[in-house]
Amino acid sequence: TSDKVSIASGIPSNPGIEAIMQNSQGGGSIAITR
């Protein structure tokens, strides 16, 4: 599925998903004022 993601066609509508994570606190992406 990851290989099918592209700027031209976007994200697939019928993906293969390995996991759906919850509670990623500071990891991955976090916003904070400078």
PDB file of all heavy atoms in Angstrom:
ATOM      1  N   THR A   1       0.828  -1.208   0.000  1.00  0.00           N
ATOM      2  CA  THR A   1       0.000   0.000   0.000  1.00  0.00           C
ATOM      3  C   THR A   1       0.859   1.252   0.000  1.00  0.00           C
ATOM      4  O   THR A   1       0.585   2.216  -0.720  1.00  0.00           O
ATOM      5  CB  THR A   1      -0.932   0.014   1.221  1.00  0.00           C
ATOM      6  OG1 THR A   1      -1.744  -1.161   1.211  1.00  0.00           O
ATOM      7  CG2 THR A   1      -1.819   1.243   1.214  1.00  0.00           C
ATOM      8  N   SER A   2       1.906   1.242   0.824  1.00  0.00           N
ATOM      9  CA  SER A   2       2.801   2.395   0.878  1.00  0.00           C
ATOM     10  C   SER A   2       3.403   2.684  -0.489  1.00  0.00           C
ATOM     11  O   SER A   2       3.546   3.849  -0.889  1.00  0.00           O
ATOM     12  CB  SER A   2       3.912   2.141   1.905  1.00  0.00           C
ATOM     13  OG  SER A   2       4.690   3.295   2.118  1.00  0.00           O
ATOM     14  N   ASP A   3       3.722   1.632  -1.239  1.00  0.00           N
ATOM     15  CA  ASP A   3       4.291   1.810  -2.569  1.00  0.00           C
ATOM     16  C   ASP A   3       3.299   2.451  -3.545  1.00  0.00           C
ATOM     17  O   ASP A   3       3.703   3.023  -4.563  1.00  0.00           O
ATOM     18  CB  ASP A   3       4.767   0.466  -3.137  1.00  0.00           C
ATOM     19  CG  ASP A   3       5.981  -0.081  -2.400  1.00  0.00           C
ATOM     20  OD1 ASP A   3       6.651   0.690  -1.692  1.00  0.00           O
ATOM     21  OD2 ASP A   3       6.243  -1.297  -2.515  1.00  0.00           O
ATOM     22  N   LYS A   4       2.008   2.335  -3.249  1.00  0.00           N
ATOM     23  CA  LYS A   4       0.984   2.888  -4.136  1.00  0.00           C
ATOM     24  C   LYS A   4       0.685   4.364  -3.855  1.00  0.00           C
ATOM     25  O   LYS A   4       0.038   5.032  -4.669  1.00  0.00           O
ATOM     26  CB  LYS A   4      -0.314   2.089  -4.001  1.00  0.00           C
ATOM     27  CG  LYS A   4      -0.218   0.664  -4.516  1.00  0.00           C
ATOM     28  CD  LYS A   4      -1.527  -0.073  -4.291  1.00  0.00           C
ATOM     29  CE  LYS A   4      -1.436  -1.524  -4.743  1.00  0.00           C
ATOM     30  NZ  LYS A   4      -2.684  -2.280  -4.464  1.00  0.00           N
ATOM     31  N   VAL A   5       1.122   4.854  -2.704  1.00  0.00           N
ATOM     32  CA  VAL A   5       0.886   6.267  -2.395  1.00  0.00           C
ATOM     33  C   VAL A   5       1.735   7.118  -3.332  1.00  0.00           C
ATOM     34  O   VAL A   5       2.936   6.902  -3.480  1.00  0.00           O
ATOM     35  CB  VAL A   5       1.255   6.578  -0.932  1.00  0.00           C
ATOM     36  CG1 VAL A   5       1.042   8.066  -0.632  1.00  0.00           C
ATOM     37  CG2 VAL A   5       0.416   5.729   0.032  1.00  0.00           C
ATOM     38  N   SER A   6       1.099   8.099  -3.962  1.00  0.00           N
ATOM     39  CA  SER A   6       1.833   8.958  -4.888  1.00  0.00           C
ATOM     40  C   SER A   6       1.232  10.350  -4.898  1.00  0.00           C
ATOM     41  O   SER A   6       0.058  10.545  -4.578  1.00  0.00           O
ATOM     42  CB  SER A   6       1.818   8.378  -6.302  1.00  0.00           C
ATOM     43  OG  SER A   6       0.531   8.503  -6.871  1.00  0.00           O
ATOM     44  N   ILE A   7       2.058  11.302  -5.279  1.00  0.00           N
ATOM     45  CA  ILE A   7       1.588  12.683  -5.354  1.00  0.00           C
ATOM     46  C   ILE A   7       0.465  12.807  -6.378  1.00  0.00           C
ATOM     47  O   ILE A   7      -0.498  13.553  -6.195  1.00  0.00           O
ATOM     48  CB  ILE A   7       2.757  13.615  -5.710  1.00  0.00           C
ATOM     49  CG1 ILE A   7       3.777  13.635  -4.580  1.00  0.00           C
ATOM     50  CG2 ILE A   7       2.261  15.031  -5.997  1.00  0.00           C
ATOM     51  CD1 ILE A   7       5.025  14.435  -4.877  1.00  0.00           C
ATOM     52  N   ALA A   8       0.552  12.036  -7.462  1.00  0.00           N
ATOM     53  CA  ALA A   8      -0.435  12.135  -8.543  1.00  0.00           C
ATOM     54  C   ALA A   8      -1.782  11.544  -8.154  1.00  0.00           C
ATOM     55  O   ALA A   8      -2.835  12.122  -8.437  1.00  0.00           O
ATOM     56  CB  ALA A   8       0.104  11.449  -9.797  1.00  0.00           C
ATOM     57  N   SER A   9      -1.758  10.381  -7.495  1.00  0.00           N
ATOM     58  CA  SER A   9      -3.021   9.673  -7.234  1.00  0.00           C
ATOM     59  C   SER A   9      -3.451   9.698  -5.775  1.00  0.00           C
ATOM     60  O   SER A   9      -4.522   9.202  -5.445  1.00  0.00           O
ATOM     61  CB  SER A   9      -2.906   8.219  -7.707  1.00  0.00           C
ATOM     62  OG  SER A   9      -1.822   7.561  -7.075  1.00  0.00           O
ATOM     63  N   GLY A  10      -2.642  10.237  -4.889  1.00  0.00           N
ATOM     64  CA  GLY A  10      -3.030  10.346  -3.493  1.00  0.00           C
ATOM     65  C   GLY A  10      -2.881   9.044  -2.742  1.00  0.00           C
ATOM     66  O   GLY A  10      -2.033   8.215  -3.053  1.00  0.00           O
ATOM     67  N   ILE A  11      -3.718   8.853  -1.718  1.00  0.00           N
ATOM     68  CA  ILE A  11      -3.631   7.655  -0.892  1.00  0.00           C
ATOM     69  C   ILE A  11      -4.695   6.652  -1.334  1.00  0.00           C
ATOM     70  O   ILE A  11      -5.802   7.033  -1.726  1.00  0.00           O
ATOM     71  CB  ILE A  11      -3.795   7.983   0.608  1.00  0.00           C
ATOM     72  CG1 ILE A  11      -5.175   8.566   0.921  1.00  0.00           C
ATOM     73  CG2 ILE A  11      -2.706   8.973   1.045  1.00  0.00           C
ATOM     74  CD1 ILE A  11      -5.417   8.791   2.412  1.00  0.00           C
ATOM     75  N   PRO A  12      -4.388   5.348  -1.300  1.00  0.00           N
ATOM     76  CA  PRO A  12      -5.352   4.329  -1.748  1.00  0.00           C
ATOM     77  C   PRO A  12      -6.590   4.292  -0.860  1.00  0.00           C
ATOM     78  O   PRO A  12      -6.527   4.568   0.346  1.00  0.00           O
ATOM     79  CB  PRO A  12      -4.550   3.029  -1.636  1.00  0.00           C
ATOM     80  CG  PRO A  12      -3.117   3.440  -1.640  1.00  0.00           C
ATOM     81  CD  PRO A  12      -3.084   4.774  -0.955  1.00  0.00           C
ATOM     82  N   SER A  13      -7.717   3.931  -1.449  1.00  0.00           N
ATOM     83  CA  SER A  13      -8.973   3.855  -0.695  1.00  0.00           C
ATOM     84  C   SER A  13      -9.171   2.496  -0.035  1.00  0.00           C
ATOM     85  O   SER A  13     -10.006   2.361   0.856  1.00  0.00           O
ATOM     86  CB  SER A  13     -10.161   4.154  -1.616  1.00  0.00           C
ATOM     87  OG  SER A  13     -10.216   3.191  -2.670  1.00  0.00           O
ATOM     88  N   ASN A  14      -8.418   1.497  -0.478  1.00  0.00           N
ATOM     89  CA  ASN A  14      -8.574   0.146   0.065  1.00  0.00           C
ATOM     90  C   ASN A  14      -7.208  -0.372   0.532  1.00  0.00           C
ATOM     91  O   ASN A  14      -6.631  -1.275  -0.064  1.00  0.00           O
ATOM     92  CB  ASN A  14      -9.165  -0.785  -0.998  1.00  0.00           C
ATOM     93  CG  ASN A  14      -9.668  -2.085  -0.400  1.00  0.00           C
ATOM     94  OD1 ASN A  14     -10.232  -2.101   0.688  1.00  0.00           O
ATOM     95  ND2 ASN A  14      -9.465  -3.179  -1.111  1.00  0.00           N
ATOM     96  N   PRO A  15      -6.687   0.202   1.624  1.00  0.00           N
ATOM     97  CA  PRO A  15      -5.293  -0.044   1.990  1.00  0.00           C
ATOM     98  C   PRO A  15      -5.088  -1.341   2.770  1.00  0.00           C
ATOM     99  O   PRO A  15      -6.011  -1.899   3.352  1.00  0.00           O
ATOM    100  CB  PRO A  15      -4.979   1.151   2.901  1.00  0.00           C
ATOM    101  CG  PRO A  15      -6.298   1.391   3.597  1.00  0.00           C
ATOM    102  CD  PRO A  15      -7.345   1.138   2.557  1.00  0.00           C
ATOM    103  N   GLY A  16      -3.843  -1.773   2.775  1.00  0.00           N
ATOM    104  CA  GLY A  16      -3.398  -2.777   3.720  1.00  0.00           C
ATOM    105  C   GLY A  16      -2.807  -2.042   4.909  1.00  0.00           C
ATOM    106  O   GLY A  16      -1.907  -1.208   4.750  1.00  0.00           O
ATOM    107  N   ILE A  17      -3.325  -2.325   6.090  1.00  0.00           N
ATOM    108  CA  ILE A  17      -2.921  -1.587   7.294  1.00  0.00           C
ATOM    109  C   ILE A  17      -2.301  -2.559   8.288  1.00  0.00           C
ATOM    110  O   ILE A  17      -2.948  -3.522   8.707  1.00  0.00           O
ATOM    111  CB  ILE A  17      -4.124  -0.865   7.933  1.00  0.00           C
ATOM    112  CG1 ILE A  17      -4.750   0.114   6.925  1.00  0.00           C
ATOM    113  CG2 ILE A  17      -3.707  -0.131   9.207  1.00  0.00           C
ATOM    114  CD1 ILE A  17      -6.062   0.714   7.399  1.00  0.00           C
ATOM    115  N   GLU A  18      -1.064  -2.310   8.655  1.00  0.00           N
ATOM    116  CA  GLU A  18      -0.385  -3.190   9.604  1.00  0.00           C
ATOM    117  C   GLU A  18      -0.809  -2.920  11.043  1.00  0.00           C
ATOM    118  O   GLU A  18      -0.878  -3.840  11.856  1.00  0.00           O
ATOM    119  CB  GLU A  18       1.133  -3.021   9.483  1.00  0.00           C
ATOM    120  CG  GLU A  18       1.699  -3.558   8.174  1.00  0.00           C
ATOM    121  CD  GLU A  18       3.217  -3.532   8.152  1.00  0.00           C
ATOM    122  OE1 GLU A  18       3.816  -2.799   8.977  1.00  0.00           O
ATOM    123  OE2 GLU A  18       3.802  -4.250   7.322  1.00  0.00           O
ATOM    124  N   ALA A  19      -1.069  -1.656  11.361  1.00  0.00           N
ATOM    125  CA  ALA A  19      -1.437  -1.302  12.738  1.00  0.00           C
ATOM    126  C   ALA A  19      -2.088   0.070  12.736  1.00  0.00           C
ATOM    127  O   ALA A  19      -1.859   0.892  11.842  1.00  0.00           O
ATOM    128  CB  ALA A  19      -0.211  -1.303  13.645  1.00  0.00           C
ATOM    129  N   ILE A  20      -2.913   0.307  13.761  1.00  0.00           N
ATOM    130  CA  ILE A  20      -3.504   1.621  13.988  1.00  0.00           C
ATOM    131  C   ILE A  20      -3.119   2.016  15.409  1.00  0.00           C
ATOM    132  O   ILE A  20      -3.632   1.475  16.382  1.00  0.00           O
ATOM    133  CB  ILE A  20      -5.033   1.619  13.816  1.00  0.00           C
ATOM    134  CG1 ILE A  20      -5.402   1.109  12.419  1.00  0.00           C
ATOM    135  CG2 ILE A  20      -5.597   3.020  14.040  1.00  0.00           C
ATOM    136  CD1 ILE A  20      -6.891   0.927  12.202  1.00  0.00           C
ATOM    137  N   MET A  21      -2.184   2.943  15.505  1.00  0.00           N
ATOM    138  CA  MET A  21      -1.615   3.315  16.804  1.00  0.00           C
ATOM    139  C   MET A  21      -2.396   4.441  17.464  1.00  0.00           C
ATOM    140  O   MET A  21      -2.862   5.371  16.805  1.00  0.00           O
ATOM    141  CB  MET A  21      -0.151   3.739  16.641  1.00  0.00           C
ATOM    142  CG  MET A  21       0.516   4.162  17.945  1.00  0.00           C
ATOM    143  SD  MET A  21       2.164   4.895  17.713  1.00  0.00           S
ATOM    144  CE  MET A  21       3.112   3.417  17.354  1.00  0.00           C
ATOM    145  N   GLN A  22      -2.500   4.343  18.787  1.00  0.00           N
ATOM    146  CA  GLN A  22      -3.084   5.399  19.604  1.00  0.00           C
ATOM    147  C   GLN A  22      -2.034   5.915  20.595  1.00  0.00           C
ATOM    148  O   GLN A  22      -1.076   5.221  20.925  1.00  0.00           O
ATOM    149  CB  GLN A  22      -4.253   4.873  20.431  1.00  0.00           C
ATOM    150  CG  GLN A  22      -5.334   4.129  19.684  1.00  0.00           C
ATOM    151  CD  GLN A  22      -6.327   3.533  20.665  1.00  0.00           C
ATOM    152  OE1 GLN A  22      -7.319   4.158  21.012  1.00  0.00           O
ATOM    153  NE2 GLN A  22      -6.049   2.327  21.127  1.00  0.00           N
ATOM    154  N   ASN A  23      -2.257   7.114  21.067  1.00  0.00           N
ATOM    155  CA  ASN A  23      -1.506   7.683  22.197  1.00  0.00           C
ATOM    156  C   ASN A  23      -0.029   7.867  21.909  1.00  0.00           C
ATOM    157  O   ASN A  23       0.816   7.682  22.792  1.00  0.00           O
ATOM    158  CB  ASN A  23      -1.689   6.840  23.461  1.00  0.00           C
ATOM    159  CG  ASN A  23      -1.470   7.659  24.731  1.00  0.00           C
ATOM    160  OD1 ASN A  23      -1.719   8.862  24.743  1.00  0.00           O
ATOM    161  ND2 ASN A  23      -1.008   7.018  25.787  1.00  0.00           N
ATOM    162  N   SER A  24       0.292   8.245  20.686  1.00  0.00           N
ATOM    163  CA  SER A  24       1.661   8.652  20.396  1.00  0.00           C
ATOM    164  C   SER A  24       1.805  10.091  20.851  1.00  0.00           C
ATOM    165  O   SER A  24       1.311  11.004  20.202  1.00  0.00           O
ATOM    166  CB  SER A  24       1.956   8.534  18.897  1.00  0.00           C
ATOM    167  OG  SER A  24       3.250   8.980  18.601  1.00  0.00           O
ATOM    168  N   GLN A  25       2.432  10.279  21.963  1.00  0.00           N
ATOM    169  CA  GLN A  25       2.437  11.594  22.605  1.00  0.00           C
ATOM    170  C   GLN A  25       3.433  12.539  21.939  1.00  0.00           C
ATOM    171  O   GLN A  25       3.084  13.317  21.060  1.00  0.00           O
ATOM    172  CB  GLN A  25       2.705  11.420  24.103  1.00  0.00           C
ATOM    173  CG  GLN A  25       1.609  10.615  24.780  1.00  0.00           C
ATOM    174  CD  GLN A  25       1.962  10.186  26.195  1.00  0.00           C
ATOM    175  OE1 GLN A  25       3.125  10.038  26.558  1.00  0.00           O
ATOM    176  NE2 GLN A  25       0.948   9.951  27.009  1.00  0.00           N
ATOM    177  N   GLY A  26       4.704  12.482  22.320  1.00  0.00           N
ATOM    178  CA  GLY A  26       5.679  13.354  21.685  1.00  0.00           C
ATOM    179  C   GLY A  26       6.227  12.801  20.389  1.00  0.00           C
ATOM    180  O   GLY A  26       6.949  13.487  19.679  1.00  0.00           O
ATOM    181  N   GLY A  27       5.917  11.560  20.068  1.00  0.00           N
ATOM    182  CA  GLY A  27       6.497  10.918  18.896  1.00  0.00           C
ATOM    183  C   GLY A  27       5.759  11.236  17.606  1.00  0.00           C
ATOM    184  O   GLY A  27       4.567  11.538  17.618  1.00  0.00           O
ATOM    185  N   GLY A  28       6.482  11.152  16.485  1.00  0.00           N
ATOM    186  CA  GLY A  28       5.858  11.311  15.177  1.00  0.00           C
ATOM    187  C   GLY A  28       5.667  12.748  14.770  1.00  0.00           C
ATOM    188  O   GLY A  28       6.201  13.206  13.762  1.00  0.00           O
ATOM    189  N   SER A  29       4.880  13.481  15.546  1.00  0.00           N
ATOM    190  CA  SER A  29       4.592  14.874  15.232  1.00  0.00           C
ATOM    191  C   SER A  29       3.999  15.544  16.456  1.00  0.00           C
ATOM    192  O   SER A  29       3.066  15.022  17.066  1.00  0.00           O
ATOM    193  CB  SER A  29       3.609  14.967  14.055  1.00  0.00           C
ATOM    194  OG  SER A  29       3.393  16.308  13.669  1.00  0.00           O
ATOM    195  N   ILE A  30       4.553  16.683  16.812  1.00  0.00           N
ATOM    196  CA  ILE A  30       4.015  17.441  17.944  1.00  0.00           C
ATOM    197  C   ILE A  30       4.222  18.925  17.669  1.00  0.00           C
ATOM    198  O   ILE A  30       5.221  19.322  17.057  1.00  0.00           O
ATOM    199  CB  ILE A  30       4.678  17.023  19.275  1.00  0.00           C
ATOM    200  CG1 ILE A  30       3.968  17.681  20.459  1.00  0.00           C
ATOM    201  CG2 ILE A  30       6.167  17.314  19.274  1.00  0.00           C
ATOM    202  CD1 ILE A  30       4.404  17.144  21.804  1.00  0.00           C
ATOM    203  N   ALA A  31       3.271  19.742  18.088  1.00  0.00           N
ATOM    204  CA  ALA A  31       3.338  21.189  17.860  1.00  0.00           C
ATOM    205  C   ALA A  31       3.628  21.907  19.172  1.00  0.00           C
ATOM    206  O   ALA A  31       3.053  21.580  20.210  1.00  0.00           O
ATOM    207  CB  ALA A  31       2.020  21.695  17.263  1.00  0.00           C
ATOM    208  N   ILE A  32       4.515  22.897  19.109  1.00  0.00           N
ATOM    209  CA  ILE A  32       4.875  23.667  20.298  1.00  0.00           C
ATOM    210  C   ILE A  32       5.294  25.061  19.855  1.00  0.00           C
ATOM    211  O   ILE A  32       5.934  25.229  18.809  1.00  0.00           O
ATOM    212  CB  ILE A  32       6.020  22.957  21.079  1.00  0.00           C
ATOM    213  CG1 ILE A  32       6.395  23.749  22.338  1.00  0.00           C
ATOM    214  CG2 ILE A  32       7.233  22.698  20.192  1.00  0.00           C
ATOM    215  CD1 ILE A  32       7.349  22.986  23.260  1.00  0.00           C
ATOM    216  N   THR A  33       4.911  26.063  20.613  1.00  0.00           N
ATOM    217  CA  THR A  33       5.329  27.409  20.253  1.00  0.00           C
ATOM    218  C   THR A  33       6.844  27.509  20.335  1.00  0.00           C
ATOM    219  O   THR A  33       7.493  26.834  21.138  1.00  0.00           O
ATOM    220  CB  THR A  33       4.703  28.471  21.169  1.00  0.00           C
ATOM    221  OG1 THR A  33       5.221  28.323  22.498  1.00  0.00           O
ATOM    222  CG2 THR A  33       3.180  28.364  21.188  1.00  0.00           C
ATOM    223  N   ARG A  34       7.403  28.349  19.501  1.00  0.00           N
ATOM    224  CA  ARG A  34       8.858  28.512  19.500  1.00  0.00           C
ATOM    225  C   ARG A  34       9.339  28.994  20.868  1.00  0.00           C
ATOM    226  O   ARG A  34      10.373  28.545  21.372  1.00  0.00           O
ATOM    227  CB  ARG A  34       9.267  29.509  18.404  1.00  0.00           C
ATOM    228  CG  ARG A  34      10.755  29.532  18.100  1.00  0.00           C
ATOM    229  CD  ARG A  34      11.042  30.446  16.913  1.00  0.00           C
ATOM    230  NE  ARG A  34      12.433  30.324  16.488  1.00  0.00           N
ATOM    231  CZ  ARG A  34      13.432  31.012  17.013  1.00  0.00           C
ATOM    232  NH1 ARG A  34      13.201  31.855  18.004  1.00  0.00           N
ATOM    233  NH2 ARG A  34      14.672  30.840  16.565  1.00  0.00           N
TER     234      ARG A  34
END
